[in-house]
Amino acid sequence: MIFITGDIVHKMIVPLFVLVFFNLGFGQDDDILNSMLEGEDYITNAFNYGLLINNQTTETTPKGAFEFRIQHRFGELDFKDFGNSVVQEFLGFDGSANIRFGFTFALSDRLQFGIGRTKIDKVYDFEAKYKLLRQKIKKVPVSIALYFNAGISSRDFPEVSPNEFFVDGVTPFEYTFAHRIAYNTQIIVSKKINEKFSAIFSPTIIYKNLVPLDNDNLLFGATIGGRYKTGVTSSIIFEYTTKFNNRVNDFKDPIALGYEIGTAGHAFQIFIVSSNQIIPQNLFYSSPLDYTKGKLVIGFNIKRTFRNGSN
C-alpha cells in the first residue's frame, strides 16, 4: 500500500475538494428533484444529525427538542501488532479512553445551544450553532451554518518551570483562569448532491490562550467529509481534517471512516479514527496517531432526541 504524506495531502485534496464541491453546487441531481413534493422548496436530511464523526454538520436539533449525545473513543489499536491488540488489549477497549457527554436544546429550527464535558483535560464546553442558509432546489446550491464553541479546562495545571511558556526564559509565568479557555469557530458548508451522497466543507479557526512554545495561539484548519447512504437508515461516513499552521514534519492529518444507523430520534455511529480527541480545540492541536504505521482508534457516537416530551 502506498501512503501520501500529510503535507502533500493537505495541499492537494482540500483545494481539489472545494473546486469539485462548488462546481456541483450549481446543479441538483434529478433524483432530488423527483423526490420533492410539488411546492416544497427546501432540501432536507443532508445528514442524520449535527455531528458527522468529530466535526459538525449543517443539521440542527428540531425546535423545542432536547438532544443527548455520547461520544466515545477507546484506546490505541496497533494493526501491526494485531495479536496483542486483539488478545491483550481487546481492540483497544482496555486502553485509556476518552468520552464526552453533551446536551443540546433548540430555540428554533435554525438555532441551538449546547453544553458538554470531555474526559481528556476535563473540559467543559459551551456551544451554539445557527443555520444561516438552507439548500433549495435550483435556487440555493448549499446549506451554511455557523458554529461556535468555548472550552474551559478544569484539570489541575501540571508543574512547570517559572519560565516554561516564554521564549526569553526570563518572563515569569503565572497560570490564570484565562489560560484554561480555548475557542473554536467554524463555517460549515454542506450540499446534498443526490439522494445517496452529501458532502461537507468546514473552514475552522481555533484560538487557545495557552499553547506550547513555537506554536501559534491562532490556528487555521478545515474539514472535508461526506455521507453515502447504503440503505434507508444506514450510511458510510468519512472525514479528513487538516490544519495550515502549527504543523511539524511528521504530523498526520486526522482521518475518520465509519458506519452510521440513524432515524429521526436516534443515531448510532461506529468508526475508526486516527485520534482519540473529541472537541476540535484538542483535535487540531494534538498529535494524531500515525495511521500509516497501522495505529488507529475505534470509537462510537450515540445521539437521542426527545421531542416535546414524546419518545
Protein backbone atom coordinates (compact mmCIF):
# COMPACT_ATOMS: atom_id res chain seq x y z
CA MET A 1 0.00 0.00 0.00
CA ILE A 2 1.32 3.46 -0.91
CA PHE A 3 0.80 6.31 1.52
CA ILE A 4 0.99 10.02 0.71
CA THR A 5 2.47 12.31 3.33
CA GLY A 6 0.23 14.69 5.25
CA ASP A 7 1.89 17.81 3.79
CA ILE A 8 1.17 16.70 0.21
CA VAL A 9 -2.38 15.61 1.02
CA HIS A 10 -3.48 18.80 2.74
CA LYS A 11 -2.06 20.90 -0.12
CA MET A 12 -3.77 18.82 -2.84
CA ILE A 13 -7.00 17.35 -1.51
CA VAL A 14 -8.58 20.38 0.13
CA PRO A 15 -8.37 22.71 -2.93
CA LEU A 16 -9.50 19.87 -5.21
CA PHE A 17 -12.44 19.05 -2.95
CA VAL A 18 -13.53 22.71 -2.80
CA LEU A 19 -13.33 23.01 -6.59
CA VAL A 20 -15.47 19.92 -7.16
CA PHE A 21 -17.82 20.86 -4.30
CA PHE A 22 -18.71 24.25 -5.72
CA ASN A 23 -18.87 23.03 -9.32
CA LEU A 24 -21.51 20.59 -8.15
CA GLY A 25 -23.11 23.37 -6.16
CA PHE A 26 -24.94 24.95 -9.08
CA GLY A 27 -26.94 21.91 -10.14
CA GLN A 28 -29.22 19.45 -8.40
CA ASP A 29 -29.47 15.75 -9.11
CA ASP A 30 -32.68 14.65 -10.82
CA ASP A 31 -33.25 12.14 -8.00
CA ILE A 32 -33.63 15.02 -5.56
CA LEU A 33 -35.96 16.94 -7.87
CA ASN A 34 -38.14 13.90 -8.43
CA SER A 35 -38.28 13.06 -4.73
CA MET A 36 -39.51 16.50 -3.66
CA LEU A 37 -43.24 17.16 -3.45
CA GLU A 38 -44.56 19.93 -5.67
CA GLY A 39 -44.33 23.27 -3.90
CA GLU A 40 -41.77 22.11 -1.32
CA ASP A 41 -38.63 24.09 -1.95
CA TYR A 42 -36.14 23.07 0.75
CA ILE A 43 -33.86 20.04 0.51
CA THR A 44 -33.71 18.20 3.83
CA ASN A 45 -31.81 15.39 5.56
CA ALA A 46 -28.41 16.02 4.05
CA PHE A 47 -27.09 14.35 7.22
CA ASN A 48 -28.71 12.35 10.01
CA TYR A 49 -27.80 14.85 12.73
CA GLY A 50 -25.48 17.60 13.87
CA LEU A 51 -22.27 15.54 14.02
CA LEU A 52 -20.59 13.79 11.13
CA ILE A 53 -17.92 12.00 13.22
CA ASN A 54 -15.70 14.52 15.02
CA ASN A 55 -16.95 17.64 13.29
CA GLN A 56 -20.23 19.48 12.93
CA THR A 57 -22.71 19.26 10.04
CA THR A 58 -25.25 21.89 8.99
CA GLU A 59 -28.07 19.94 10.65
CA THR A 60 -29.58 21.42 13.82
CA THR A 61 -31.78 20.00 16.57
CA PRO A 62 -35.52 20.48 15.82
CA LYS A 63 -37.25 23.41 17.52
CA GLY A 64 -38.11 22.73 21.15
CA ALA A 65 -36.28 19.39 21.14
CA PHE A 66 -33.63 18.24 23.59
CA GLU A 67 -30.74 16.08 22.40
CA PHE A 68 -28.39 13.88 24.43
CA ARG A 69 -25.06 12.81 22.92
CA ILE A 70 -22.35 10.34 23.90
CA GLN A 71 -19.02 10.50 22.04
CA HIS A 72 -16.56 7.74 22.98
CA ARG A 73 -13.04 6.87 21.84
CA PHE A 74 -11.30 3.70 23.02
CA GLY A 75 -7.56 3.18 23.48
CA GLU A 76 -4.93 2.88 20.75
CA LEU A 77 -5.15 -0.05 18.34
CA ASP A 78 -1.98 -1.21 16.58
CA PHE A 79 -2.77 -3.22 13.45
CA LYS A 80 0.91 -4.13 13.03
CA ASP A 81 0.75 -5.85 16.41
CA PHE A 82 -2.72 -7.24 15.85
CA GLY A 83 -2.34 -10.29 18.08
CA ASN A 84 -1.52 -8.19 21.11
CA SER A 85 -4.17 -5.59 20.23
CA VAL A 86 -6.89 -8.25 19.98
CA VAL A 87 -5.90 -10.66 22.74
CA GLN A 88 -4.30 -8.40 25.32
CA GLU A 89 -5.96 -5.02 24.71
CA PHE A 90 -9.20 -6.27 23.09
CA LEU A 91 -9.13 -3.88 20.11
CA GLY A 92 -8.06 -1.03 22.37
CA PHE A 93 -11.05 -1.41 24.69
CA ASP A 94 -8.71 -1.94 27.67
CA GLY A 95 -6.70 1.18 26.89
CA SER A 96 -7.13 4.72 28.11
CA ALA A 97 -10.40 6.03 26.67
CA ASN A 98 -11.85 9.47 26.06
CA ILE A 99 -15.54 10.31 26.35
CA ARG A 100 -17.79 13.35 26.05
CA PHE A 101 -21.35 13.74 27.28
CA GLY A 102 -23.26 16.53 25.55
CA PHE A 103 -26.69 18.15 25.69
CA THR A 104 -28.27 20.49 23.14
CA PHE A 105 -31.53 22.42 23.09
CA ALA A 106 -33.05 24.18 20.08
CA LEU A 107 -34.76 27.55 20.40
CA SER A 108 -35.81 27.31 16.75
CA ASP A 109 -35.24 25.05 13.76
CA ARG A 110 -32.18 27.16 12.97
CA LEU A 111 -30.67 27.96 16.39
CA GLN A 112 -29.41 25.57 19.07
CA PHE A 113 -27.28 25.81 22.21
CA GLY A 114 -25.38 23.08 23.98
CA ILE A 115 -23.08 22.10 26.82
CA GLY A 116 -20.69 19.18 27.16
CA ARG A 117 -17.97 17.65 29.27
CA THR A 118 -14.93 15.77 27.91
CA LYS A 119 -12.70 13.44 29.92
CA ILE A 120 -9.29 14.46 28.50
CA ASP A 121 -8.24 17.76 30.09
CA LYS A 122 -11.59 17.68 31.96
CA VAL A 123 -13.06 20.22 29.53
CA TYR A 124 -16.48 21.83 29.94
CA ASP A 125 -17.61 23.33 26.65
CA PHE A 126 -20.42 25.64 25.64
CA GLU A 127 -21.62 25.72 22.04
CA ALA A 128 -24.02 27.47 19.69
CA LYS A 129 -24.99 26.72 16.10
CA TYR A 130 -27.07 28.79 13.70
CA LYS A 131 -28.24 27.58 10.29
CA LEU A 132 -27.67 30.64 8.14
CA LEU A 133 -28.75 29.24 4.78
CA ARG A 134 -30.79 26.23 3.68
CA GLN A 135 -30.27 24.42 0.41
CA LYS A 136 -33.10 24.87 -2.10
CA ILE A 137 -33.95 23.32 -5.44
CA LYS A 138 -32.37 25.34 -8.28
CA LYS A 139 -32.13 28.43 -6.07
CA VAL A 140 -29.68 27.93 -3.21
CA PRO A 141 -26.99 25.35 -4.02
CA VAL A 142 -25.70 24.75 -0.46
CA SER A 143 -26.60 24.93 3.21
CA ILE A 144 -24.46 27.07 5.52
CA ALA A 145 -24.26 27.01 9.31
CA LEU A 146 -22.17 28.98 11.79
CA TYR A 147 -20.78 27.19 14.84
CA PHE A 148 -19.01 28.48 17.96
CA ASN A 149 -17.62 26.58 20.92
CA ALA A 150 -15.74 27.73 24.02
CA GLY A 151 -14.00 25.06 26.09
CA ILE A 152 -12.75 25.50 29.66
CA SER A 153 -10.27 23.01 31.12
CA SER A 154 -10.88 22.16 34.78
CA ARG A 155 -7.87 19.91 35.34
CA ASP A 156 -5.03 20.82 37.68
CA PHE A 157 -2.23 22.53 35.83
CA PRO A 158 0.96 20.40 35.72
CA GLU A 159 4.11 21.53 37.44
CA VAL A 160 6.27 23.58 35.06
CA SER A 161 9.29 25.82 35.42
CA PRO A 162 8.56 29.53 36.06
CA ASN A 163 9.60 30.49 32.50
CA GLU A 164 8.12 27.50 30.65
CA PHE A 165 5.94 29.47 28.24
CA PHE A 166 8.21 32.39 27.35
CA VAL A 167 10.96 32.31 24.74
CA ASP A 168 13.09 34.85 26.58
CA GLY A 169 13.47 32.48 29.55
CA VAL A 170 13.11 35.43 31.92
CA THR A 171 9.46 36.46 31.98
CA PRO A 172 7.73 34.73 34.93
CA PHE A 173 4.72 32.58 34.12
CA GLU A 174 1.57 32.59 36.24
CA TYR A 175 -1.29 30.24 35.35
CA THR A 176 -4.62 32.10 35.30
CA PHE A 177 -8.23 31.22 34.50
CA ALA A 178 -7.88 32.72 31.02
CA HIS A 179 -5.22 30.11 30.20
CA ARG A 180 -7.86 27.38 30.59
CA ILE A 181 -10.02 28.65 27.72
CA ALA A 182 -9.90 27.70 24.02
CA TYR A 183 -12.27 28.78 21.27
CA ASN A 184 -13.48 27.12 18.09
CA THR A 185 -15.31 28.89 15.24
CA GLN A 186 -16.50 27.13 12.09
CA ILE A 187 -18.31 28.00 8.88
CA ILE A 188 -19.98 24.77 7.76
CA VAL A 189 -20.98 24.39 4.12
CA SER A 190 -22.86 21.27 3.03
CA LYS A 191 -24.54 20.03 -0.11
CA LYS A 192 -26.88 17.13 -0.74
CA ILE A 193 -25.58 16.02 -4.15
CA ASN A 194 -28.24 13.35 -4.66
CA GLU A 195 -30.38 11.02 -2.57
CA LYS A 196 -27.35 8.93 -1.59
CA PHE A 197 -24.44 11.34 -1.23
CA SER A 198 -23.96 14.51 0.82
CA ALA A 199 -20.70 16.44 1.19
CA ILE A 200 -19.40 18.95 3.69
CA PHE A 201 -16.61 21.54 3.82
CA SER A 202 -15.83 23.35 7.05
CA PRO A 203 -13.15 26.08 7.40
CA THR A 204 -12.15 26.33 11.07
CA ILE A 205 -10.43 28.87 13.32
CA ILE A 206 -9.13 27.74 16.71
CA TYR A 207 -7.75 30.08 19.35
CA LYS A 208 -6.09 28.79 22.53
CA ASN A 209 -4.98 31.20 25.21
CA LEU A 210 -2.10 28.94 26.23
CA VAL A 211 -0.02 26.93 23.78
CA PRO A 212 3.46 25.33 23.88
CA LEU A 213 6.49 27.28 22.74
CA ASP A 214 6.86 27.67 18.95
CA ASN A 215 3.08 27.23 18.46
CA ASP A 216 0.70 29.96 17.34
CA ASN A 217 -2.27 30.78 19.54
CA LEU A 218 -4.37 31.20 16.38
CA LEU A 219 -4.75 28.09 14.22
CA PHE A 220 -6.42 27.75 10.82
CA GLY A 221 -7.78 24.45 9.56
CA ALA A 222 -10.51 22.77 7.55
CA THR A 223 -12.51 19.57 7.41
CA ILE A 224 -13.94 17.81 4.39
CA GLY A 225 -16.26 14.84 4.66
CA GLY A 226 -19.37 13.15 3.49
CA ARG A 227 -22.12 10.60 3.87
CA TYR A 228 -23.06 7.88 1.40
CA LYS A 229 -26.38 6.16 2.10
CA THR A 230 -26.26 2.38 1.85
CA GLY A 231 -29.85 1.81 2.94
CA VAL A 232 -32.95 3.55 4.23
CA THR A 233 -31.37 4.24 7.64
CA SER A 234 -27.70 3.27 7.13
CA SER A 235 -24.75 5.21 5.71
CA ILE A 236 -20.99 5.19 5.29
CA ILE A 237 -19.45 8.37 6.72
CA PHE A 238 -15.94 9.83 6.45
CA GLU A 239 -13.85 12.85 7.46
CA TYR A 240 -10.46 14.31 6.64
CA THR A 241 -9.19 17.16 8.83
CA THR A 242 -6.18 19.34 8.14
CA LYS A 243 -4.51 22.40 9.59
CA PHE A 244 -2.50 25.06 7.77
CA ASN A 245 -0.14 26.21 10.52
CA ASN A 246 1.43 24.70 13.65
CA ARG A 247 2.42 21.69 11.55
CA VAL A 248 5.51 19.56 12.23
CA ASN A 249 7.33 17.34 9.78
CA ASP A 250 5.79 14.06 10.96
CA PHE A 251 2.26 15.42 11.51
CA LYS A 252 -0.50 13.22 10.04
CA ASP A 253 -3.84 14.89 9.36
CA PRO A 254 -6.67 13.27 11.36
CA ILE A 255 -8.86 10.87 9.35
CA ALA A 256 -12.07 9.01 10.20
CA LEU A 257 -14.19 6.35 8.49
CA GLY A 258 -17.38 4.90 9.90
CA TYR A 259 -20.81 3.34 9.57
CA GLU A 260 -23.99 5.05 10.74
CA ILE A 261 -27.52 3.90 11.51
CA GLY A 262 -29.94 6.77 12.04
CA THR A 263 -33.61 7.59 12.43
CA ALA A 264 -35.45 10.79 13.31
CA GLY A 265 -34.89 10.25 17.03
CA HIS A 266 -31.75 8.11 17.20
CA ALA A 267 -28.36 7.86 15.58
CA PHE A 268 -25.55 5.37 16.21
CA GLN A 269 -22.13 5.64 14.58
CA ILE A 270 -19.17 3.29 14.89
CA PHE A 271 -15.88 4.22 13.25
CA ILE A 272 -12.10 4.09 13.17
CA VAL A 273 -10.23 7.36 13.70
CA SER A 274 -6.60 8.42 13.99
CA SER A 275 -7.07 10.49 17.15
CA ASN A 276 -8.79 9.94 20.48
CA GLN A 277 -9.51 13.67 20.79
CA ILE A 278 -13.14 14.77 20.53
CA ILE A 279 -13.59 18.54 20.68
CA PRO A 280 -11.93 20.43 17.78
CA GLN A 281 -9.84 22.63 20.10
CA ASN A 282 -7.90 19.50 21.07
CA LEU A 283 -8.29 17.61 17.78
CA PHE A 284 -6.49 20.34 15.82
CA TYR A 285 -3.78 20.94 18.43
CA SER A 286 -2.99 17.33 19.33
CA SER A 287 -0.66 14.90 17.55
CA PRO A 288 -2.83 12.22 15.90
CA LEU A 289 -1.66 8.62 15.65
CA ASP A 290 0.40 7.61 12.63
CA TYR A 291 -2.15 5.61 10.65
CA THR A 292 0.50 4.85 8.01
CA LYS A 293 2.02 2.59 10.68
CA GLY A 294 -1.30 0.88 11.46
CA LYS A 295 -2.15 2.90 14.58
CA LEU A 296 -5.84 3.78 14.92
CA VAL A 297 -8.65 4.14 17.46
CA ILE A 298 -12.14 2.62 17.48
CA GLY A 299 -14.93 4.91 18.60
CA PHE A 300 -18.65 5.48 18.56
CA ASN A 301 -21.20 8.31 18.79
CA ILE A 302 -24.77 7.97 20.06
CA LYS A 303 -27.49 10.59 19.98
CA ARG A 304 -31.05 10.53 21.26
CA THR A 305 -33.52 13.30 20.51
CA PHE A 306 -36.51 13.98 22.78
CA ARG A 307 -39.25 15.98 21.08
CA ASN A 308 -41.78 17.82 23.27
CA GLY A 309 -41.95 15.04 25.83
CA SER A 310 -42.54 12.29 23.26
CA ASN A 311 -40.24 9.26 22.84
